[in-house]
Amino acid sequence: MGLPVLGAGNSFLAKMIGSLRRGEKVKFPANEIRTPIDVITLGKTLLELAASDFSGVIHLAGSTRINRYQMACLLAQQFGFSEDAVIPTDSNAMEGRAPRPNDASLDNTKAKNTLQTPMQSLMDGLQLVKKAPAELGA
């Protein structure tokens, strides 16, 4: 989860905010469970891993396990929009969408025990994302 610093980017968060600003309703699956990680933490962990001798598999994920509808409601609220603009849906009923597992959450225990970079909660990660543009002079 993050906001583009240069150009439009491919940020679901930026697209969601844009839709909400235009007064549009946004649909998010209530059946899909994720462990979202913010781009700031993800970037720090990738740099830390690149500088280390770690090898193997590690799940880089946030510490909040949440369904996508609940996440969108929290994000809308944090950016000053009504949760009523977020509509729950079932991803399996969304036309033209590739099938996804209902639960794609990841266990970040190994990352927490291996890395110095802390795995953030959804709300802590969001705070990092919200203050990043100001720190970058955007």
Protein backbone atom coordinates (compact mmCIF):
# COMPACT_ATOMS: atom_id res chain seq x y z
CA MET A 1 0.00 0.00 0.00
CA GLY A 2 1.37 3.36 -0.94
CA LEU A 3 0.97 6.57 -2.87
CA PRO A 4 2.91 7.38 -6.06
CA VAL A 5 5.67 9.94 -5.67
CA LEU A 6 6.29 10.44 -9.40
CA GLY A 7 3.58 10.07 -12.03
CA ALA A 8 0.35 8.14 -11.62
CA GLY A 9 1.89 4.85 -10.59
CA ASN A 10 -0.13 1.69 -10.05
CA SER A 11 -1.38 2.39 -6.54
CA PHE A 12 -4.76 0.94 -5.56
CA LEU A 13 -4.78 3.50 -2.74
CA ALA A 14 -4.34 6.44 -5.14
CA LYS A 15 -7.03 5.03 -7.45
CA MET A 16 -9.40 4.54 -4.51
CA ILE A 17 -8.83 8.10 -3.24
CA GLY A 18 -9.35 9.48 -6.75
CA SER A 19 -12.65 7.63 -7.11
CA LEU A 20 -13.84 8.78 -3.69
CA ARG A 21 -12.90 12.40 -4.49
CA ARG A 22 -15.05 12.17 -7.62
CA GLY A 23 -17.96 10.98 -5.45
CA GLU A 24 -17.85 7.46 -6.86
CA LYS A 25 -18.57 4.32 -4.88
CA VAL A 26 -15.75 1.77 -4.71
CA LYS A 27 -16.17 -1.99 -4.47
CA PHE A 28 -13.84 -4.13 -2.41
CA PRO A 29 -14.07 -7.87 -1.77
CA ALA A 30 -15.19 -8.84 1.72
CA ASN A 31 -14.17 -12.45 1.04
CA GLU A 32 -10.46 -11.77 0.39
CA ILE A 33 -8.17 -11.74 3.42
CA ARG A 34 -4.74 -10.13 3.15
CA THR A 35 -1.83 -8.94 5.29
CA PRO A 36 -1.06 -5.60 3.56
CA ILE A 37 2.42 -4.13 3.80
CA ASP A 38 3.19 -0.49 3.15
CA VAL A 39 5.72 0.49 0.49
CA ILE A 40 8.02 2.23 3.00
CA THR A 41 8.47 -0.89 5.12
CA LEU A 42 8.69 -3.09 2.03
CA GLY A 43 11.44 -0.92 0.58
CA LYS A 44 13.40 -0.95 3.84
CA THR A 45 13.15 -4.73 4.13
CA LEU A 46 14.30 -5.24 0.55
CA LEU A 47 17.33 -3.00 1.11
CA GLU A 48 18.10 -4.83 4.34
CA LEU A 49 17.84 -8.22 2.63
CA ALA A 50 19.99 -7.07 -0.31
CA ALA A 51 22.74 -6.03 2.10
CA SER A 52 22.61 -9.30 4.05
CA ASP A 53 23.63 -12.87 3.37
CA PHE A 54 20.09 -14.16 3.90
CA SER A 55 18.94 -16.90 1.56
CA GLY A 56 15.68 -18.75 1.51
CA VAL A 57 12.03 -17.83 1.64
CA ILE A 58 10.70 -15.02 3.80
CA HIS A 59 7.22 -13.51 3.82
CA LEU A 60 7.29 -9.73 3.77
CA ALA A 61 3.83 -8.82 5.03
CA GLY A 62 2.13 -6.45 7.39
CA SER A 63 1.08 -7.47 10.88
CA THR A 64 -2.64 -6.86 10.32
CA ARG A 65 -4.73 -9.70 8.89
CA ILE A 66 -7.84 -8.09 7.39
CA ASN A 67 -10.33 -8.50 4.57
CA ARG A 68 -10.07 -6.06 1.70
CA TYR A 69 -13.48 -4.46 2.35
CA GLN A 70 -12.61 -3.71 5.99
CA MET A 71 -9.24 -2.36 4.88
CA ALA A 72 -10.85 -0.06 2.32
CA CYS A 73 -13.30 1.23 4.97
CA LEU A 74 -10.40 2.06 7.31
CA LEU A 75 -8.44 3.74 4.52
CA ALA A 76 -11.44 5.78 3.39
CA GLN A 77 -11.98 6.97 6.95
CA GLN A 78 -8.29 7.87 7.39
CA PHE A 79 -8.41 10.05 4.25
CA GLY A 80 -11.61 11.82 5.32
CA PHE A 81 -14.19 9.91 3.26
CA SER A 82 -17.33 8.15 4.38
CA GLU A 83 -17.17 4.38 4.78
CA ASP A 84 -20.60 4.37 3.09
CA ALA A 85 -18.82 4.95 -0.23
CA VAL A 86 -17.11 1.55 0.12
CA ILE A 87 -19.29 -1.31 -1.09
CA PRO A 88 -18.61 -4.91 -0.05
CA THR A 89 -18.51 -7.41 -2.87
CA ASP A 90 -17.49 -11.01 -3.52
CA SER A 91 -14.41 -11.18 -5.72
CA ASN A 92 -15.65 -14.42 -7.26
CA ALA A 93 -18.63 -12.49 -8.68
CA MET A 94 -16.58 -9.65 -10.17
CA GLU A 95 -16.67 -9.90 -13.96
CA GLY A 96 -13.36 -10.02 -15.82
CA ARG A 97 -11.29 -10.45 -12.67
CA ALA A 98 -8.71 -13.20 -12.40
CA PRO A 99 -9.53 -15.76 -9.70
CA ARG A 100 -7.74 -15.23 -6.40
CA PRO A 101 -7.68 -17.25 -3.21
CA ASN A 102 -9.97 -16.00 -0.46
CA ASP A 103 -7.14 -16.11 2.08
CA ALA A 104 -3.79 -14.91 0.79
CA SER A 105 -2.56 -13.68 4.16
CA LEU A 106 1.08 -14.36 4.97
CA ASP A 107 2.81 -15.33 8.20
CA ASN A 108 5.55 -12.74 8.79
CA THR A 109 7.01 -14.42 11.91
CA LYS A 110 10.28 -15.24 10.11
CA ALA A 111 10.64 -11.64 8.90
CA LYS A 112 10.00 -10.35 12.43
CA ASN A 113 12.66 -12.70 13.84
CA THR A 114 15.21 -12.19 11.05
CA LEU A 115 15.05 -8.52 10.08
CA GLN A 116 15.74 -5.35 12.02
CA THR A 117 13.03 -3.52 10.05
CA PRO A 118 9.77 -3.95 11.98
CA MET A 119 6.74 -5.34 10.19
CA GLN A 120 4.06 -2.66 10.63
CA SER A 121 0.37 -2.87 11.44
CA LEU A 122 -1.98 -1.51 8.79
CA MET A 123 -2.48 1.75 10.67
CA ASP A 124 1.23 2.26 11.47
CA GLY A 125 2.14 1.54 7.84
CA LEU A 126 -0.49 3.99 6.67
CA GLN A 127 1.03 6.71 8.85
CA LEU A 128 4.43 6.06 7.21
CA VAL A 129 2.84 6.33 3.76
CA LYS A 130 0.98 9.54 4.63
CA LYS A 131 4.11 11.32 5.86
CA ALA A 132 6.48 10.05 3.12
CA PRO A 133 5.53 12.61 0.41
CA ALA A 134 6.24 15.46 2.82
CA GLU A 135 9.65 13.99 3.67
CA LEU A 136 10.45 13.67 -0.03
CA GLY A 137 9.49 17.27 -0.70
CA ALA A 138 6.43 16.33 -2.74
